[in-house]
Amino acid sequence: MTAGSGTPTSVADRNADAAPGGRTSPGPSERKFIVVSGCNGVGKSTVAQALSDRRGAVVFHYPLEFVAFREKVALDTDVAALPRLLYYLGATLQLSDLVRQQLARSDVICDRYLESPLSLLLAESAFIETDLDRICAPFEPYLCVPNLTLFLTADYETACHRIRERLPRRRTRVEQLVLESQEFYDLREQALRHQARKRGPLVELDTTRLSLTAMCEAAVTHVERSG
């Protein structure tokens, strides 16, 4: 599906009662909410799509409306830390509702979740973690909790190479920060891992030396082994 559009386009959506290959899809209590997380350049979007294809799941991103708003107001550069955090919390609550609704029909793969904006704020030293936790605490009970976070990693040189090799387009601010500073990359990875672990089970996959095909196969195996 396109990011947060609320209009799934996966196999599971076209046939909500059957999984690929004619298998009966799992019941609502067996359906899984899987988050794919990690820094820029580790293979998140590739892996999320591979998991979607294998499991007949729907891929969600942050809602398109929020992404457009973020760009329009230059949220990550021109807005102070507290309102910026609250905007991200609101967008995550909306994303959580979309995920919860879709889980009645199929598995859900989420390309990034709350750990993504929180880790960015921490890596930029916009908040100390205790303050961030205190502000987020009232909203946590409303969030759909992942069954699993698949946390992708890669060494700094590999991540930078992958970012530079992407199709020509204007780089995002975070991509530019990664290319400019290994310290930022390392801090963001550490914060991502810690924030994701706070919200459910986590397994890691190092994609540094993996081809795209091997990366996707390893991701599927990690998820299947985690139940």
C-alpha atoms as a PDB file:
ATOM      1  CA  MET A   1       0.000   0.000   0.000  1.00  0.00           C
ATOM      2  CA  THR A   2       1.060   3.577  -0.332  1.00  0.00           C
ATOM      3  CA  ALA A   3       2.179   5.330   2.804  1.00  0.00           C
ATOM      4  CA  GLY A   4      -0.693   5.664   5.238  1.00  0.00           C
ATOM      5  CA  SER A   5      -3.290   6.009   2.517  1.00  0.00           C
ATOM      6  CA  GLY A   6      -5.683   3.639   4.257  1.00  0.00           C
ATOM      7  CA  THR A   7      -6.243   1.852   0.928  1.00  0.00           C
ATOM      8  CA  PRO A   8      -4.362  -1.452   1.069  1.00  0.00           C
ATOM      9  CA  THR A   9      -3.193  -2.915  -2.213  1.00  0.00           C
ATOM     10  CA  SER A  10      -1.712  -6.214  -1.044  1.00  0.00           C
ATOM     11  CA  VAL A  11      -2.790  -9.698  -1.985  1.00  0.00           C
ATOM     12  CA  ALA A  12      -4.447  -9.926   1.412  1.00  0.00           C
ATOM     13  CA  ASP A  13      -6.624  -6.925   0.670  1.00  0.00           C
ATOM     14  CA  ARG A  14      -7.703  -8.170  -2.735  1.00  0.00           C
ATOM     15  CA  ASN A  15      -8.750 -11.463  -1.119  1.00  0.00           C
ATOM     16  CA  ALA A  16      -9.156 -10.949   2.598  1.00  0.00           C
ATOM     17  CA  ASP A  17     -10.177 -14.549   3.273  1.00  0.00           C
ATOM     18  CA  ALA A  18      -7.316 -16.310   1.515  1.00  0.00           C
ATOM     19  CA  ALA A  19      -3.573 -16.146   1.703  1.00  0.00           C
ATOM     20  CA  PRO A  20      -1.304 -16.552  -1.338  1.00  0.00           C
ATOM     21  CA  GLY A  21      -1.346 -20.036  -2.832  1.00  0.00           C
ATOM     22  CA  GLY A  22      -4.927 -20.687  -1.765  1.00  0.00           C
ATOM     23  CA  ARG A  23      -4.055 -21.227   1.906  1.00  0.00           C
ATOM     24  CA  THR A  24      -6.618 -20.137   4.480  1.00  0.00           C
ATOM     25  CA  SER A  25      -5.484 -16.930   6.131  1.00  0.00           C
ATOM     26  CA  PRO A  26      -5.000 -16.911   9.918  1.00  0.00           C
ATOM     27  CA  GLY A  27      -7.791 -15.798  12.189  1.00  0.00           C
ATOM     28  CA  PRO A  28      -7.697 -12.371  13.850  1.00  0.00           C
ATOM     29  CA  SER A  29      -6.049 -13.698  17.025  1.00  0.00           C
ATOM     30  CA  GLU A  30      -3.215 -15.223  14.950  1.00  0.00           C
ATOM     31  CA  ARG A  31      -2.474 -12.212  12.772  1.00  0.00           C
ATOM     32  CA  LYS A  32       0.792 -10.434  13.299  1.00  0.00           C
ATOM     33  CA  PHE A  33       1.858  -6.817  13.497  1.00  0.00           C
ATOM     34  CA  ILE A  34       5.524  -6.651  12.506  1.00  0.00           C
ATOM     35  CA  VAL A  35       7.605  -3.467  12.511  1.00  0.00           C
ATOM     36  CA  VAL A  36      10.692  -3.179  10.320  1.00  0.00           C
ATOM     37  CA  SER A  37      13.072  -0.675  11.866  1.00  0.00           C
ATOM     38  CA  GLY A  38      16.630   0.574  11.563  1.00  0.00           C
ATOM     39  CA  CYS A  39      18.733   3.489  10.354  1.00  0.00           C
ATOM     40  CA  ASN A  40      18.763   4.837   6.823  1.00  0.00           C
ATOM     41  CA  GLY A  41      20.490   2.578   4.309  1.00  0.00           C
ATOM     42  CA  VAL A  42      19.923  -0.747   6.069  1.00  0.00           C
ATOM     43  CA  GLY A  43      17.197  -2.107   3.753  1.00  0.00           C
ATOM     44  CA  LYS A  44      13.936  -1.392   5.594  1.00  0.00           C
ATOM     45  CA  SER A  45      11.680  -0.746   2.595  1.00  0.00           C
ATOM     46  CA  THR A  46      13.089  -3.713   0.668  1.00  0.00           C
ATOM     47  CA  VAL A  47      12.581  -6.065   3.604  1.00  0.00           C
ATOM     48  CA  ALA A  48       9.119  -4.717   4.434  1.00  0.00           C
ATOM     49  CA  GLN A  49       7.946  -5.415   0.885  1.00  0.00           C
ATOM     50  CA  ALA A  50       9.504  -8.892   0.915  1.00  0.00           C
ATOM     51  CA  LEU A  51       7.708  -9.751   4.166  1.00  0.00           C
ATOM     52  CA  SER A  52       4.474  -8.403   2.723  1.00  0.00           C
ATOM     53  CA  ASP A  53       4.816 -10.544  -0.396  1.00  0.00           C
ATOM     54  CA  ARG A  54       5.659 -13.680   1.581  1.00  0.00           C
ATOM     55  CA  ARG A  55       2.973 -13.297   4.234  1.00  0.00           C
ATOM     56  CA  GLY A  56       0.198 -11.719   2.154  1.00  0.00           C
ATOM     57  CA  ALA A  57       0.420  -8.758   4.510  1.00  0.00           C
ATOM     58  CA  VAL A  58      -0.264  -5.061   4.095  1.00  0.00           C
ATOM     59  CA  VAL A  59       2.594  -2.569   4.398  1.00  0.00           C
ATOM     60  CA  PHE A  60       1.894   0.652   6.261  1.00  0.00           C
ATOM     61  CA  HIS A  61       3.962   3.815   6.478  1.00  0.00           C
ATOM     62  CA  TYR A  62       3.291   7.093   8.234  1.00  0.00           C
ATOM     63  CA  PRO A  63       0.111   8.641   6.749  1.00  0.00           C
ATOM     64  CA  LEU A  64       0.622  10.515   3.487  1.00  0.00           C
ATOM     65  CA  GLU A  65      -1.188  13.530   4.873  1.00  0.00           C
ATOM     66  CA  PHE A  66       1.293  13.770   7.728  1.00  0.00           C
ATOM     67  CA  VAL A  67       4.285  13.338   5.413  1.00  0.00           C
ATOM     68  CA  ALA A  68       2.995  16.199   3.220  1.00  0.00           C
ATOM     69  CA  PHE A  69       2.417  18.376   6.288  1.00  0.00           C
ATOM     70  CA  ARG A  70       5.884  17.582   7.646  1.00  0.00           C
ATOM     71  CA  GLU A  71       7.468  18.764   4.414  1.00  0.00           C
ATOM     72  CA  LYS A  72       5.240  21.821   4.058  1.00  0.00           C
ATOM     73  CA  VAL A  73       6.033  23.229   7.499  1.00  0.00           C
ATOM     74  CA  ALA A  74       9.648  21.946   7.557  1.00  0.00           C
ATOM     75  CA  LEU A  75       8.774  20.079  10.742  1.00  0.00           C
ATOM     76  CA  ASP A  76      12.239  18.639  11.332  1.00  0.00           C
ATOM     77  CA  THR A  77      14.078  21.938  10.934  1.00  0.00           C
ATOM     78  CA  ASP A  78      11.754  24.863  11.688  1.00  0.00           C
ATOM     79  CA  VAL A  79       9.529  23.567  14.509  1.00  0.00           C
ATOM     80  CA  ALA A  80      10.599  23.455  18.162  1.00  0.00           C
ATOM     81  CA  ALA A  81      11.203  20.100  19.788  1.00  0.00           C
ATOM     82  CA  LEU A  82       8.028  19.797  21.903  1.00  0.00           C
ATOM     83  CA  PRO A  83       5.439  20.609  19.217  1.00  0.00           C
ATOM     84  CA  ARG A  84       7.454  18.513  16.787  1.00  0.00           C
ATOM     85  CA  LEU A  85       7.199  15.552  19.153  1.00  0.00           C
ATOM     86  CA  LEU A  86       3.462  16.052  19.605  1.00  0.00           C
ATOM     87  CA  TYR A  87       2.898  16.117  15.845  1.00  0.00           C
ATOM     88  CA  TYR A  88       4.787  12.826  15.546  1.00  0.00           C
ATOM     89  CA  LEU A  89       2.784  11.316  18.401  1.00  0.00           C
ATOM     90  CA  GLY A  90      -0.464  12.299  16.698  1.00  0.00           C
ATOM     91  CA  ALA A  91       0.671  10.770  13.413  1.00  0.00           C
ATOM     92  CA  THR A  92       1.717   7.568  15.187  1.00  0.00           C
ATOM     93  CA  LEU A  93      -1.676   7.307  16.890  1.00  0.00           C
ATOM     94  CA  GLN A  94      -3.352   7.602  13.484  1.00  0.00           C
ATOM     95  CA  LEU A  95      -0.972   4.992  12.061  1.00  0.00           C
ATOM     96  CA  SER A  96      -1.751   2.719  15.005  1.00  0.00           C
ATOM     97  CA  ASP A  97      -5.487   2.979  14.312  1.00  0.00           C
ATOM     98  CA  LEU A  98      -4.933   2.035  10.652  1.00  0.00           C
ATOM     99  CA  VAL A  99      -2.853  -0.946  11.727  1.00  0.00           C
ATOM    100  CA  ARG A 100      -5.461  -2.087  14.249  1.00  0.00           C
ATOM    101  CA  GLN A 101      -8.239  -1.904  11.652  1.00  0.00           C
ATOM    102  CA  GLN A 102      -6.220  -3.893   9.095  1.00  0.00           C
ATOM    103  CA  LEU A 103      -5.320  -6.608  11.603  1.00  0.00           C
ATOM    104  CA  ALA A 104      -8.942  -7.729  11.433  1.00  0.00           C
ATOM    105  CA  ARG A 105      -8.194  -8.756   7.845  1.00  0.00           C
ATOM    106  CA  SER A 106      -4.513  -9.627   7.478  1.00  0.00           C
ATOM    107  CA  ASP A 107      -1.010  -9.422   8.892  1.00  0.00           C
ATOM    108  CA  VAL A 108       0.488  -5.928   8.924  1.00  0.00           C
ATOM    109  CA  ILE A 109       4.066  -4.881   8.194  1.00  0.00           C
ATOM    110  CA  CYS A 110       4.938  -1.372   9.357  1.00  0.00           C
ATOM    111  CA  ASP A 111       7.912   0.394   7.791  1.00  0.00           C
ATOM    112  CA  ARG A 112       8.961   2.384  10.889  1.00  0.00           C
ATOM    113  CA  TYR A 113       6.885   3.108  13.981  1.00  0.00           C
ATOM    114  CA  LEU A 114       7.138   5.308  17.073  1.00  0.00           C
ATOM    115  CA  GLU A 115      10.781   4.403  17.687  1.00  0.00           C
ATOM    116  CA  SER A 116      11.730   6.232  14.493  1.00  0.00           C
ATOM    117  CA  PRO A 117      10.815   9.845  15.425  1.00  0.00           C
ATOM    118  CA  LEU A 118      11.742   9.331  19.075  1.00  0.00           C
ATOM    119  CA  SER A 119      15.219   8.102  18.167  1.00  0.00           C
ATOM    120  CA  LEU A 120      15.727  11.056  15.858  1.00  0.00           C
ATOM    121  CA  LEU A 121      14.882  13.510  18.638  1.00  0.00           C
ATOM    122  CA  LEU A 122      17.264  11.695  20.982  1.00  0.00           C
ATOM    123  CA  ALA A 123      20.094  11.540  18.438  1.00  0.00           C
ATOM    124  CA  GLU A 124      19.742  15.272  17.882  1.00  0.00           C
ATOM    125  CA  SER A 125      19.775  15.883  21.668  1.00  0.00           C
ATOM    126  CA  ALA A 126      16.394  17.600  21.413  1.00  0.00           C
ATOM    127  CA  PHE A 127      15.266  15.722  24.551  1.00  0.00           C
ATOM    128  CA  ILE A 128      16.764  13.700  27.331  1.00  0.00           C
ATOM    129  CA  GLU A 129      15.208  10.253  27.485  1.00  0.00           C
ATOM    130  CA  THR A 130      13.462  10.674  30.847  1.00  0.00           C
ATOM    131  CA  ASP A 131      11.601  13.748  29.585  1.00  0.00           C
ATOM    132  CA  LEU A 132      10.697  11.980  26.351  1.00  0.00           C
ATOM    133  CA  ASP A 133       9.317   8.994  28.285  1.00  0.00           C
ATOM    134  CA  ARG A 134       7.277  11.244  30.561  1.00  0.00           C
ATOM    135  CA  ILE A 135       5.641  13.056  27.642  1.00  0.00           C
ATOM    136  CA  CYS A 136       4.904   9.868  25.721  1.00  0.00           C
ATOM    137  CA  ALA A 137       3.603   7.859  28.669  1.00  0.00           C
ATOM    138  CA  PRO A 138      -0.075   8.987  28.505  1.00  0.00           C
ATOM    139  CA  PHE A 139      -0.284   7.956  24.839  1.00  0.00           C
ATOM    140  CA  GLU A 140       1.395   4.540  25.081  1.00  0.00           C
ATOM    141  CA  PRO A 141      -1.767   2.617  26.147  1.00  0.00           C
ATOM    142  CA  TYR A 142      -3.525   3.711  22.947  1.00  0.00           C
ATOM    143  CA  LEU A 143      -0.829   2.366  20.621  1.00  0.00           C
ATOM    144  CA  CYS A 144      -1.098  -0.981  18.882  1.00  0.00           C
ATOM    145  CA  VAL A 145       1.811  -3.060  20.221  1.00  0.00           C
ATOM    146  CA  PRO A 146       3.960  -4.925  17.665  1.00  0.00           C
ATOM    147  CA  ASN A 147       4.226  -8.684  17.913  1.00  0.00           C
ATOM    148  CA  LEU A 148       7.792  -8.267  16.709  1.00  0.00           C
ATOM    149  CA  THR A 149      10.243  -5.598  15.607  1.00  0.00           C
ATOM    150  CA  LEU A 150      12.746  -6.758  13.000  1.00  0.00           C
ATOM    151  CA  PHE A 151      15.681  -4.444  13.597  1.00  0.00           C
ATOM    152  CA  LEU A 152      18.013  -4.124  10.612  1.00  0.00           C
ATOM    153  CA  THR A 153      21.603  -2.966  10.953  1.00  0.00           C
ATOM    154  CA  ALA A 154      24.522  -2.310   8.621  1.00  0.00           C
ATOM    155  CA  ASP A 155      27.966  -0.870   9.104  1.00  0.00           C
ATOM    156  CA  TYR A 156      28.289   2.858   8.496  1.00  0.00           C
ATOM    157  CA  GLU A 157      30.188   2.594   5.213  1.00  0.00           C
ATOM    158  CA  THR A 158      27.635   0.196   3.733  1.00  0.00           C
ATOM    159  CA  ALA A 159      24.689   2.362   4.789  1.00  0.00           C
ATOM    160  CA  CYS A 160      26.284   5.452   3.239  1.00  0.00           C
ATOM    161  CA  HIS A 161      27.043   3.581   0.013  1.00  0.00           C
ATOM    162  CA  ARG A 162      23.432   2.445  -0.279  1.00  0.00           C
ATOM    163  CA  ILE A 163      22.123   5.964   0.320  1.00  0.00           C
ATOM    164  CA  ARG A 164      24.414   7.363  -2.386  1.00  0.00           C
ATOM    165  CA  GLU A 165      23.394   4.609  -4.831  1.00  0.00           C
ATOM    166  CA  ARG A 166      19.668   5.312  -4.609  1.00  0.00           C
ATOM    167  CA  LEU A 167      17.824   6.667  -7.626  1.00  0.00           C
ATOM    168  CA  PRO A 168      18.476  10.379  -8.172  1.00  0.00           C
ATOM    169  CA  ARG A 169      16.250  12.467  -5.944  1.00  0.00           C
ATOM    170  CA  ARG A 170      16.633  15.118  -3.291  1.00  0.00           C
ATOM    171  CA  ARG A 171      18.050  13.506  -0.174  1.00  0.00           C
ATOM    172  CA  THR A 172      16.083  13.745   3.024  1.00  0.00           C
ATOM    173  CA  ARG A 173      17.462  15.697   5.939  1.00  0.00           C
ATOM    174  CA  VAL A 174      18.131  12.505   7.896  1.00  0.00           C
ATOM    175  CA  GLU A 175      19.961  10.920   4.966  1.00  0.00           C
ATOM    176  CA  GLN A 176      22.169  13.992   4.795  1.00  0.00           C
ATOM    177  CA  LEU A 177      22.850  13.841   8.529  1.00  0.00           C
ATOM    178  CA  VAL A 178      23.877  10.197   8.167  1.00  0.00           C
ATOM    179  CA  LEU A 179      26.256  10.963   5.301  1.00  0.00           C
ATOM    180  CA  GLU A 180      27.825  13.805   7.279  1.00  0.00           C
ATOM    181  CA  SER A 181      28.342  12.064  10.602  1.00  0.00           C
ATOM    182  CA  GLN A 182      29.040   8.528  11.747  1.00  0.00           C
ATOM    183  CA  GLU A 183      28.479   9.748  15.298  1.00  0.00           C
ATOM    184  CA  PHE A 184      24.901  10.685  14.404  1.00  0.00           C
ATOM    185  CA  TYR A 185      24.398   7.315  12.701  1.00  0.00           C
ATOM    186  CA  ASP A 186      25.665   5.409  15.736  1.00  0.00           C
ATOM    187  CA  LEU A 187      23.586   7.469  18.191  1.00  0.00           C
ATOM    188  CA  ARG A 188      20.460   7.020  16.077  1.00  0.00           C
ATOM    189  CA  GLU A 189      20.961   3.263  15.821  1.00  0.00           C
ATOM    190  CA  GLN A 190      21.443   2.957  19.563  1.00  0.00           C
ATOM    191  CA  ALA A 191      18.324   5.031  20.276  1.00  0.00           C
ATOM    192  CA  LEU A 192      16.254   3.126  17.698  1.00  0.00           C
ATOM    193  CA  ARG A 193      17.168  -0.223  19.231  1.00  0.00           C
ATOM    194  CA  HIS A 194      16.440   0.955  22.773  1.00  0.00           C
ATOM    195  CA  GLN A 195      13.103   2.573  21.903  1.00  0.00           C
ATOM    196  CA  ALA A 196      11.931  -0.455  19.917  1.00  0.00           C
ATOM    197  CA  ARG A 197      12.828  -2.859  22.739  1.00  0.00           C
ATOM    198  CA  LYS A 198      10.691  -0.830  25.120  1.00  0.00           C
ATOM    199  CA  ARG A 199       7.625  -1.645  23.057  1.00  0.00           C
ATOM    200  CA  GLY A 200       7.914  -5.355  22.401  1.00  0.00           C
ATOM    201  CA  PRO A 201      10.063  -8.277  21.231  1.00  0.00           C
ATOM    202  CA  LEU A 202      12.974  -7.462  18.918  1.00  0.00           C
ATOM    203  CA  VAL A 203      15.242  -9.519  16.688  1.00  0.00           C
ATOM    204  CA  GLU A 204      18.229  -8.127  14.792  1.00  0.00           C
ATOM    205  CA  LEU A 205      19.507  -8.785  11.290  1.00  0.00           C
ATOM    206  CA  ASP A 206      22.834  -7.423  10.053  1.00  0.00           C
ATOM    207  CA  THR A 207      22.423  -6.696   6.339  1.00  0.00           C
ATOM    208  CA  THR A 208      25.954  -5.418   5.736  1.00  0.00           C
ATOM    209  CA  ARG A 209      27.196  -8.293   3.557  1.00  0.00           C
ATOM    210  CA  LEU A 210      23.860  -9.469   2.199  1.00  0.00           C
ATOM    211  CA  SER A 211      22.593  -9.139  -1.362  1.00  0.00           C
ATOM    212  CA  LEU A 212      19.009  -7.951  -1.767  1.00  0.00           C
ATOM    213  CA  THR A 213      17.820 -11.525  -2.283  1.00  0.00           C
ATOM    214  CA  ALA A 214      19.753 -12.849   0.710  1.00  0.00           C
ATOM    215  CA  MET A 215      18.569  -9.935   2.843  1.00  0.00           C
ATOM    216  CA  CYS A 216      14.922 -10.691   2.081  1.00  0.00           C
ATOM    217  CA  GLU A 217      15.304 -14.433   2.661  1.00  0.00           C
ATOM    218  CA  ALA A 218      17.094 -13.862   5.951  1.00  0.00           C
ATOM    219  CA  ALA A 219      14.375 -11.441   7.074  1.00  0.00           C
ATOM    220  CA  VAL A 220      11.624 -13.967   6.318  1.00  0.00           C
ATOM    221  CA  THR A 221      13.553 -16.665   8.212  1.00  0.00           C
ATOM    222  CA  HIS A 222      14.096 -14.420  11.258  1.00  0.00           C
ATOM    223  CA  VAL A 223      10.395 -13.568  11.432  1.00  0.00           C
ATOM    224  CA  GLU A 224       9.252 -17.162  10.981  1.00  0.00           C
ATOM    225  CA  ARG A 225      11.631 -18.402  13.687  1.00  0.00           C
ATOM    226  CA  SER A 226      10.252 -15.771  16.058  1.00  0.00           C
ATOM    227  CA  GLY A 227       6.762 -17.202  15.688  1.00  0.00           C
END
